[in-house]
Protein backbone atom coordinates (compact mmCIF):
# COMPACT_ATOMS: atom_id res chain seq x y z
CA UNK A 1 -0.13 -0.01 0.07
CA UNK A 2 1.15 3.67 -0.22
CA UNK A 3 2.44 5.40 2.17
CA UNK A 4 -0.41 8.02 1.89
CA UNK A 5 -3.14 5.91 3.44
CA UNK A 6 -4.56 7.06 7.02
CA UNK A 7 -3.11 4.89 9.84
CA UNK A 8 -5.08 4.71 13.12
CA UNK A 9 -3.11 4.01 16.27
CA UNK A 10 -4.92 2.79 19.57
CA UNK A 11 -3.02 2.32 22.90
CA UNK A 12 -4.87 0.27 25.61
CA UNK A 13 -3.70 1.42 29.10
CA UNK A 14 -4.18 0.20 32.64
CA UNK A 15 -4.39 3.17 35.16
CA UNK A 16 -2.24 2.43 38.00
CA UNK A 17 -4.83 2.41 41.53
CA UNK A 18 -5.23 5.87 42.93
CA UNK A 19 -3.57 7.78 39.64
CA UNK A 20 -7.23 8.32 37.88
CA UNK A 21 -7.41 12.24 39.05
CA UNK A 22 -3.54 12.58 38.34
CA UNK A 23 -3.96 10.67 34.92
CA UNK A 24 -6.62 13.05 33.85
CA UNK A 25 -5.14 16.10 34.54
CA UNK A 26 -1.96 15.06 33.18
CA UNK A 27 -3.65 14.02 30.05
CA UNK A 28 -5.69 16.92 29.66
CA UNK A 29 -2.82 19.32 30.22
CA UNK A 30 -0.74 17.41 27.21
CA UNK A 31 -3.41 17.83 24.63
CA UNK A 32 -3.01 21.71 24.19
CA UNK A 33 0.68 20.72 23.25
CA UNK A 34 0.29 17.77 21.06
CA UNK A 35 -2.36 19.90 19.30
CA UNK A 36 -0.16 22.72 18.90
CA UNK A 37 3.21 20.60 18.23
CA UNK A 38 1.93 17.76 16.31
CA UNK A 39 -0.25 19.17 13.40
CA UNK A 40 -0.52 15.88 11.27
CA UNK A 41 -2.29 14.21 14.35
CA UNK A 42 -5.80 14.59 13.09
CA UNK A 43 -7.67 12.88 15.71
CA UNK A 44 -6.50 12.33 19.52
CA UNK A 45 -9.32 11.13 21.85
CA UNK A 46 -9.09 9.35 24.92
CA UNK A 47 -11.58 6.98 26.57
CA UNK A 48 -11.98 5.41 30.23
CA UNK A 49 -14.01 2.42 30.72
CA UNK A 50 -16.56 2.60 33.34
CA UNK A 51 -14.81 1.54 36.38
CA UNK A 52 -11.62 4.03 35.43
CA UNK A 53 -9.01 1.25 35.54
CA UNK A 54 -8.34 1.44 31.82
CA UNK A 55 -7.93 4.41 29.23
CA UNK A 56 -7.58 3.64 25.60
CA UNK A 57 -6.05 6.64 23.39
CA UNK A 58 -7.32 6.56 19.91
CA UNK A 59 -4.97 8.48 17.24
CA UNK A 60 -5.88 8.95 13.58
CA UNK A 61 -2.92 10.06 11.02
CA UNK A 62 -3.03 10.97 7.15
CA UNK A 63 0.00 9.16 6.89
CA UNK A 64 2.59 6.82 7.84
CA UNK A 65 4.86 9.65 7.77
CA UNK A 66 2.60 11.58 10.12
CA UNK A 67 2.50 8.90 12.89
CA UNK A 68 6.40 9.03 12.78
CA UNK A 69 6.35 12.57 13.29
CA UNK A 70 3.92 11.72 16.55
CA UNK A 71 6.40 9.04 17.76
CA UNK A 72 9.35 11.26 17.94
CA UNK A 73 10.13 12.17 21.39
CA UNK A 74 7.53 9.80 22.63
CA UNK A 75 10.10 8.02 24.93
CA UNK A 76 10.56 11.13 26.89
CA UNK A 77 6.55 12.32 26.86
CA UNK A 78 6.14 8.61 28.03
CA UNK A 79 8.25 9.02 31.22
CA UNK A 80 5.80 11.18 32.86
CA UNK A 81 2.72 9.54 31.71
CA UNK A 82 4.07 6.01 32.69
CA UNK A 83 3.66 7.45 36.45
CA UNK A 84 0.05 7.08 35.88
CA UNK A 85 -0.72 4.18 33.56
CA UNK A 86 0.90 1.33 32.36
CA UNK A 87 0.79 0.21 28.53
CA UNK A 88 -1.15 -2.74 27.69
CA UNK A 89 -1.32 -3.31 23.75
CA UNK A 90 -0.97 -1.41 20.88
CA UNK A 91 -2.97 -1.68 17.87
CA UNK A 92 -2.07 -0.22 14.28
CA UNK A 93 -4.52 -0.04 11.38
CA UNK A 94 -2.70 0.72 8.12
CA UNK A 95 0.75 0.22 6.68
CA UNK A 96 3.30 1.88 9.37
CA UNK A 97 7.18 3.07 8.37
CA UNK A 98 9.87 0.94 8.86
CA UNK A 99 10.88 3.66 11.76
CA UNK A 100 7.00 3.00 13.34
CA UNK A 101 7.80 -0.95 13.04
CA UNK A 102 11.31 -0.42 14.60
CA UNK A 103 9.58 1.46 17.61
CA UNK A 104 6.81 -1.23 17.99
CA UNK A 105 9.34 -3.90 17.96
CA UNK A 106 10.92 -2.39 20.84
CA UNK A 107 7.86 -1.60 22.55
CA UNK A 108 6.40 -5.25 21.95
CA UNK A 109 9.84 -6.69 23.40
CA UNK A 110 8.96 -4.90 26.61
CA UNK A 111 5.96 -7.53 27.09
CA UNK A 112 3.25 -5.13 25.49
CA UNK A 113 0.89 -6.91 23.20
CA UNK A 114 1.33 -5.14 19.45
CA UNK A 115 -0.82 -5.89 16.66
CA UNK A 116 -0.91 -4.21 13.09
CA UNK A 117 -3.43 -4.57 10.49
CA UNK A 118 -1.90 -3.20 7.25
CA UNK A 119 -4.43 -3.73 4.28
CA UNK A 120 -6.35 -0.70 4.13
CA UNK A 121 -9.37 -1.54 2.10
CA UNK A 122 -11.17 2.03 2.10
CA UNK A 123 -13.41 4.49 3.90
CA UNK A 124 -13.06 8.30 4.91
CA UNK A 125 -12.30 10.75 7.26
CA UNK A 126 -14.90 13.31 8.05
CA UNK A 127 -13.49 16.12 10.13
CA UNK A 128 -16.73 18.31 9.94
CA UNK A 129 -20.65 17.12 9.79
CA UNK A 130 -22.85 18.29 7.07
């Protein structure tokens, strides 16, 4: 597939006991920075489960290159985040670059489940309704 196919990146994380409020504040504080500094991240949404023990973060990128830009500096950003959450799994929908694949191999080596679904069949993203 072409490198211009969109990428969906979902990280599933366990919230550490007693850290829900701290995580929420940290995440909400980080969103404006991501929005300002990662303009090719077109969607970033976080959802907790009902008992606030898990948070899933969904990101959408217009291309594999945009995912690469998001991953740059991720190790440094994650250090603070991992005070509040523990990554459980990562799912990538679309064909990531060799750079992203290398990062995911490193992640998988740490015990986090990584699944990649490379074959984009089709669809659309609508950022405004109507």
